[in-house]
Amino acid sequence: MERLIENTMYASRWLLAPIYLGLSLAVLLLGLKFFQEALHTFPLIFSMKEADLVLVILSLVDLALVGGLLVMVMLSGYENFVSQIDLEEGQEKLSWLGKLDSGSLKQKVAASIVAISSIHLLKAFMAAQTIPDNKLMWYVIIHITFVLSAMGMAWVDRLNSKNH
């Protein structure tokens, strides 16, 4: 009976595979939104103010960072929790694939969230005339919370690695 339970629990990791596949659909949706924003901006480029163009570019960078985060979580999560990704001989393989354990993945996700939050904060500061001060203050508090959380997770992981 114990063996059956253990085999069932181990096989249940495959329930995560459709979720990771769904993240690839999310990357596709981000790509569509990226190009929609870029194509929407091209006809307006000569009539836009520089600050508005910078805001659009920051939005595109934000989408690219979220896309990279999705790919990292999708591929390394699949490798860590479902199955090793076997690529054919000679096929290009990402240098980090297979090297991110759940701890380092967590740190990379936290760093990506801080980077994405930084872009949102920069966009808010650039549009500060249209954002109430109390809302801007909350953006800063939330960003600082992300930064402190990422630093705290890195510190705990460093403590754990010293203990092993």
C-alpha atoms as a PDB file:
ATOM      1  CA  MET A   1       0.000   0.000   0.000  1.00  0.00           C
ATOM      2  CA  GLU A   2       2.843   2.391   0.886  1.00  0.00           C
ATOM      3  CA  ARG A   3       4.532   1.709  -2.461  1.00  0.00           C
ATOM      4  CA  LEU A   4       1.296   2.494  -4.340  1.00  0.00           C
ATOM      5  CA  ILE A   5       0.897   5.798  -2.505  1.00  0.00           C
ATOM      6  CA  GLU A   6       4.515   6.768  -3.154  1.00  0.00           C
ATOM      7  CA  ASN A   7       4.290   5.849  -6.857  1.00  0.00           C
ATOM      8  CA  THR A   8       1.032   7.790  -7.202  1.00  0.00           C
ATOM      9  CA  MET A   9       2.508  10.846  -5.503  1.00  0.00           C
ATOM     10  CA  TYR A  10       5.618  10.663  -7.672  1.00  0.00           C
ATOM     11  CA  ALA A  11       3.564  10.285 -10.864  1.00  0.00           C
ATOM     12  CA  SER A  12       1.385  13.257  -9.865  1.00  0.00           C
ATOM     13  CA  ARG A  13       4.276  15.587 -10.750  1.00  0.00           C
ATOM     14  CA  TRP A  14       3.060  15.233 -14.348  1.00  0.00           C
ATOM     15  CA  LEU A  15      -0.014  17.244 -13.363  1.00  0.00           C
ATOM     16  CA  LEU A  16       2.313  20.264 -13.449  1.00  0.00           C
ATOM     17  CA  ALA A  17       3.228  19.707 -17.118  1.00  0.00           C
ATOM     18  CA  PRO A  18       0.037  21.338 -18.524  1.00  0.00           C
ATOM     19  CA  ILE A  19       0.606  24.314 -16.222  1.00  0.00           C
ATOM     20  CA  TYR A  20       4.124  24.833 -17.577  1.00  0.00           C
ATOM     21  CA  LEU A  21       2.773  24.396 -21.104  1.00  0.00           C
ATOM     22  CA  GLY A  22       0.172  27.054 -20.285  1.00  0.00           C
ATOM     23  CA  LEU A  23       2.992  29.439 -19.383  1.00  0.00           C
ATOM     24  CA  SER A  24       4.246  29.105 -22.959  1.00  0.00           C
ATOM     25  CA  LEU A  25       0.835  30.363 -24.070  1.00  0.00           C
ATOM     26  CA  ALA A  26       1.262  33.305 -21.692  1.00  0.00           C
ATOM     27  CA  VAL A  27       4.624  34.088 -23.373  1.00  0.00           C
ATOM     28  CA  LEU A  28       2.836  34.085 -26.737  1.00  0.00           C
ATOM     29  CA  LEU A  29       0.202  36.487 -25.377  1.00  0.00           C
ATOM     30  CA  LEU A  30       2.925  38.798 -24.048  1.00  0.00           C
ATOM     31  CA  GLY A  31       4.607  38.736 -27.462  1.00  0.00           C
ATOM     32  CA  LEU A  32       1.351  39.731 -29.142  1.00  0.00           C
ATOM     33  CA  LYS A  33       0.854  42.583 -26.662  1.00  0.00           C
ATOM     34  CA  PHE A  34       4.474  43.707 -27.164  1.00  0.00           C
ATOM     35  CA  PHE A  35       4.070  44.013 -30.927  1.00  0.00           C
ATOM     36  CA  GLN A  36       0.617  45.571 -30.595  1.00  0.00           C
ATOM     37  CA  GLU A  37       2.143  48.315 -28.435  1.00  0.00           C
ATOM     38  CA  ALA A  38       5.115  48.760 -30.782  1.00  0.00           C
ATOM     39  CA  LEU A  39       2.927  48.940 -33.913  1.00  0.00           C
ATOM     40  CA  HIS A  40       0.558  51.348 -32.178  1.00  0.00           C
ATOM     41  CA  THR A  41       3.501  53.654 -31.370  1.00  0.00           C
ATOM     42  CA  PHE A  42       5.120  53.806 -34.825  1.00  0.00           C
ATOM     43  CA  PRO A  43       2.564  56.143 -36.468  1.00  0.00           C
ATOM     44  CA  LEU A  44       2.742  58.480 -33.455  1.00  0.00           C
ATOM     45  CA  ILE A  45       6.524  58.574 -33.104  1.00  0.00           C
ATOM     46  CA  PHE A  46       7.048  62.062 -34.565  1.00  0.00           C
ATOM     47  CA  SER A  47       4.183  63.645 -32.650  1.00  0.00           C
ATOM     48  CA  MET A  48       5.024  62.076 -29.277  1.00  0.00           C
ATOM     49  CA  LYS A  49       6.803  63.887 -26.503  1.00  0.00           C
ATOM     50  CA  GLU A  50      10.127  62.350 -25.480  1.00  0.00           C
ATOM     51  CA  ALA A  51       8.783  61.453 -22.031  1.00  0.00           C
ATOM     52  CA  ASP A  52       5.844  59.615 -23.588  1.00  0.00           C
ATOM     53  CA  LEU A  53       8.186  57.648 -25.841  1.00  0.00           C
ATOM     54  CA  VAL A  54      10.314  56.702 -22.842  1.00  0.00           C
ATOM     55  CA  LEU A  55       7.155  55.470 -21.072  1.00  0.00           C
ATOM     56  CA  VAL A  56       6.266  53.296 -24.080  1.00  0.00           C
ATOM     57  CA  ILE A  57       9.802  51.901 -24.210  1.00  0.00           C
ATOM     58  CA  LEU A  58       9.675  51.160 -20.476  1.00  0.00           C
ATOM     59  CA  SER A  59       6.417  49.285 -21.063  1.00  0.00           C
ATOM     60  CA  LEU A  60       8.118  47.212 -23.775  1.00  0.00           C
ATOM     61  CA  VAL A  61      11.080  46.486 -21.481  1.00  0.00           C
ATOM     62  CA  ASP A  62       8.601  45.502 -18.774  1.00  0.00           C
ATOM     63  CA  LEU A  63       6.894  43.032 -21.133  1.00  0.00           C
ATOM     64  CA  ALA A  64      10.277  41.583 -22.117  1.00  0.00           C
ATOM     65  CA  LEU A  65      11.254  41.104 -18.454  1.00  0.00           C
ATOM     66  CA  VAL A  66       7.965  39.386 -17.660  1.00  0.00           C
ATOM     67  CA  GLY A  67       8.432  37.160 -20.725  1.00  0.00           C
ATOM     68  CA  GLY A  68      11.926  36.197 -19.605  1.00  0.00           C
ATOM     69  CA  LEU A  69      10.611  35.468 -16.128  1.00  0.00           C
ATOM     70  CA  LEU A  70       7.908  33.212 -17.583  1.00  0.00           C
ATOM     71  CA  VAL A  71      10.426  31.287 -19.700  1.00  0.00           C
ATOM     72  CA  MET A  72      12.745  30.857 -16.728  1.00  0.00           C
ATOM     73  CA  VAL A  73       9.946  29.608 -14.456  1.00  0.00           C
ATOM     74  CA  MET A  74       8.467  27.414 -17.188  1.00  0.00           C
ATOM     75  CA  LEU A  75      11.686  25.639 -18.197  1.00  0.00           C
ATOM     76  CA  SER A  76      13.453  25.365 -14.866  1.00  0.00           C
ATOM     77  CA  GLY A  77      10.228  24.525 -13.044  1.00  0.00           C
ATOM     78  CA  TYR A  78       9.566  21.722 -15.513  1.00  0.00           C
ATOM     79  CA  GLU A  79      13.130  20.441 -15.107  1.00  0.00           C
ATOM     80  CA  ASN A  80      13.051  20.676 -11.307  1.00  0.00           C
ATOM     81  CA  PHE A  81       9.609  19.242 -10.672  1.00  0.00           C
ATOM     82  CA  VAL A  82       8.503  17.174 -13.679  1.00  0.00           C
ATOM     83  CA  SER A  83      11.207  15.762 -15.939  1.00  0.00           C
ATOM     84  CA  GLN A  84      14.580  16.566 -17.441  1.00  0.00           C
ATOM     85  CA  ILE A  85      14.372  18.288 -20.822  1.00  0.00           C
ATOM     86  CA  ASP A  86      16.170  16.031 -23.286  1.00  0.00           C
ATOM     87  CA  LEU A  87      17.354  17.893 -26.364  1.00  0.00           C
ATOM     88  CA  GLU A  88      18.759  16.171 -29.415  1.00  0.00           C
ATOM     89  CA  GLU A  89      22.533  16.118 -29.855  1.00  0.00           C
ATOM     90  CA  GLY A  90      23.746  19.334 -31.485  1.00  0.00           C
ATOM     91  CA  GLN A  91      20.562  21.221 -30.616  1.00  0.00           C
ATOM     92  CA  GLU A  92      21.124  24.542 -28.855  1.00  0.00           C
ATOM     93  CA  LYS A  93      20.639  24.384 -25.081  1.00  0.00           C
ATOM     94  CA  LEU A  94      20.355  27.369 -22.766  1.00  0.00           C
ATOM     95  CA  SER A  95      23.440  27.574 -20.559  1.00  0.00           C
ATOM     96  CA  TRP A  96      21.425  27.854 -17.340  1.00  0.00           C
ATOM     97  CA  LEU A  97      19.040  25.006 -18.123  1.00  0.00           C
ATOM     98  CA  GLY A  98      19.483  22.205 -15.634  1.00  0.00           C
ATOM     99  CA  LYS A  99      21.547  24.400 -13.306  1.00  0.00           C
ATOM    100  CA  LEU A 100      18.770  26.261 -11.509  1.00  0.00           C
ATOM    101  CA  ASP A 101      17.547  24.448  -8.433  1.00  0.00           C
ATOM    102  CA  SER A 102      14.407  25.634  -6.665  1.00  0.00           C
ATOM    103  CA  GLY A 103      16.438  27.930  -4.364  1.00  0.00           C
ATOM    104  CA  SER A 104      18.280  29.726  -7.145  1.00  0.00           C
ATOM    105  CA  LEU A 105      15.067  29.864  -9.201  1.00  0.00           C
ATOM    106  CA  LYS A 106      13.371  31.564  -6.260  1.00  0.00           C
ATOM    107  CA  GLN A 107      16.185  34.145  -6.101  1.00  0.00           C
ATOM    108  CA  LYS A 108      16.008  34.804  -9.842  1.00  0.00           C
ATOM    109  CA  VAL A 109      12.226  35.227  -9.666  1.00  0.00           C
ATOM    110  CA  ALA A 110      12.621  37.656  -6.752  1.00  0.00           C
ATOM    111  CA  ALA A 111      15.270  39.635  -8.666  1.00  0.00           C
ATOM    112  CA  SER A 112      13.005  39.743 -11.736  1.00  0.00           C
ATOM    113  CA  ILE A 113      10.097  40.982  -9.640  1.00  0.00           C
ATOM    114  CA  VAL A 114      12.314  43.750  -8.223  1.00  0.00           C
ATOM    115  CA  ALA A 115      13.380  44.721 -11.760  1.00  0.00           C
ATOM    116  CA  ILE A 116       9.774  44.768 -12.982  1.00  0.00           C
ATOM    117  CA  SER A 117       8.724  46.767  -9.923  1.00  0.00           C
ATOM    118  CA  SER A 118      11.578  49.221 -10.593  1.00  0.00           C
ATOM    119  CA  ILE A 119      10.278  49.848 -14.092  1.00  0.00           C
ATOM    120  CA  HIS A 120       6.744  50.398 -12.804  1.00  0.00           C
ATOM    121  CA  LEU A 121       8.078  52.799 -10.190  1.00  0.00           C
ATOM    122  CA  LEU A 122      10.117  54.701 -12.787  1.00  0.00           C
ATOM    123  CA  LYS A 123       7.035  54.945 -15.009  1.00  0.00           C
ATOM    124  CA  ALA A 124       5.036  56.263 -12.043  1.00  0.00           C
ATOM    125  CA  PHE A 125       7.687  58.892 -11.263  1.00  0.00           C
ATOM    126  CA  MET A 126       7.746  60.000 -14.893  1.00  0.00           C
ATOM    127  CA  ALA A 127       3.969  60.413 -14.806  1.00  0.00           C
ATOM    128  CA  ALA A 128       4.045  61.933 -11.297  1.00  0.00           C
ATOM    129  CA  GLN A 129       1.970  64.958 -12.329  1.00  0.00           C
ATOM    130  CA  THR A 130      -1.033  62.703 -12.942  1.00  0.00           C
ATOM    131  CA  ILE A 131      -0.602  60.416  -9.905  1.00  0.00           C
ATOM    132  CA  PRO A 132      -1.643  61.523  -6.396  1.00  0.00           C
ATOM    133  CA  ASP A 133       1.207  61.700  -3.862  1.00  0.00           C
ATOM    134  CA  ASN A 134      -0.327  59.089  -1.564  1.00  0.00           C
ATOM    135  CA  LYS A 135      -0.550  56.593  -4.438  1.00  0.00           C
ATOM    136  CA  LEU A 136       3.065  57.299  -5.390  1.00  0.00           C
ATOM    137  CA  MET A 137       4.050  56.735  -1.763  1.00  0.00           C
ATOM    138  CA  TRP A 138       2.374  53.303  -1.854  1.00  0.00           C
ATOM    139  CA  TYR A 139       4.252  52.432  -5.057  1.00  0.00           C
ATOM    140  CA  VAL A 140       7.527  53.197  -3.251  1.00  0.00           C
ATOM    141  CA  ILE A 141       6.501  51.210  -0.155  1.00  0.00           C
ATOM    142  CA  ILE A 142       5.519  48.200  -2.260  1.00  0.00           C
ATOM    143  CA  HIS A 143       8.776  48.409  -4.220  1.00  0.00           C
ATOM    144  CA  ILE A 144      10.836  48.611  -1.021  1.00  0.00           C
ATOM    145  CA  THR A 145       8.904  45.591   0.277  1.00  0.00           C
ATOM    146  CA  PHE A 146       9.876  43.630  -2.861  1.00  0.00           C
ATOM    147  CA  VAL A 147      13.516  44.679  -2.478  1.00  0.00           C
ATOM    148  CA  LEU A 148      13.643  43.749   1.204  1.00  0.00           C
ATOM    149  CA  SER A 149      11.885  40.433   0.532  1.00  0.00           C
ATOM    150  CA  ALA A 150      14.382  39.538  -2.204  1.00  0.00           C
ATOM    151  CA  MET A 151      17.280  40.467   0.075  1.00  0.00           C
ATOM    152  CA  GLY A 152      15.755  38.439   2.916  1.00  0.00           C
ATOM    153  CA  MET A 153      15.317  35.365   0.713  1.00  0.00           C
ATOM    154  CA  ALA A 154      18.903  35.656  -0.531  1.00  0.00           C
ATOM    155  CA  TRP A 155      20.154  35.985   3.046  1.00  0.00           C
ATOM    156  CA  VAL A 156      18.186  32.908   4.211  1.00  0.00           C
ATOM    157  CA  ASP A 157      19.439  30.884   1.224  1.00  0.00           C
ATOM    158  CA  ARG A 158      23.009  31.946   2.028  1.00  0.00           C
ATOM    159  CA  LEU A 159      22.557  30.872   5.647  1.00  0.00           C
ATOM    160  CA  ASN A 160      21.141  27.522   4.488  1.00  0.00           C
ATOM    161  CA  SER A 161      24.054  26.938   2.102  1.00  0.00           C
ATOM    162  CA  LYS A 162      26.564  27.564   4.924  1.00  0.00           C
ATOM    163  CA  ASN A 163      24.784  24.987   7.098  1.00  0.00           C
ATOM    164  CA  HIS A 164      25.051  22.219   4.499  1.00  0.00           C
END
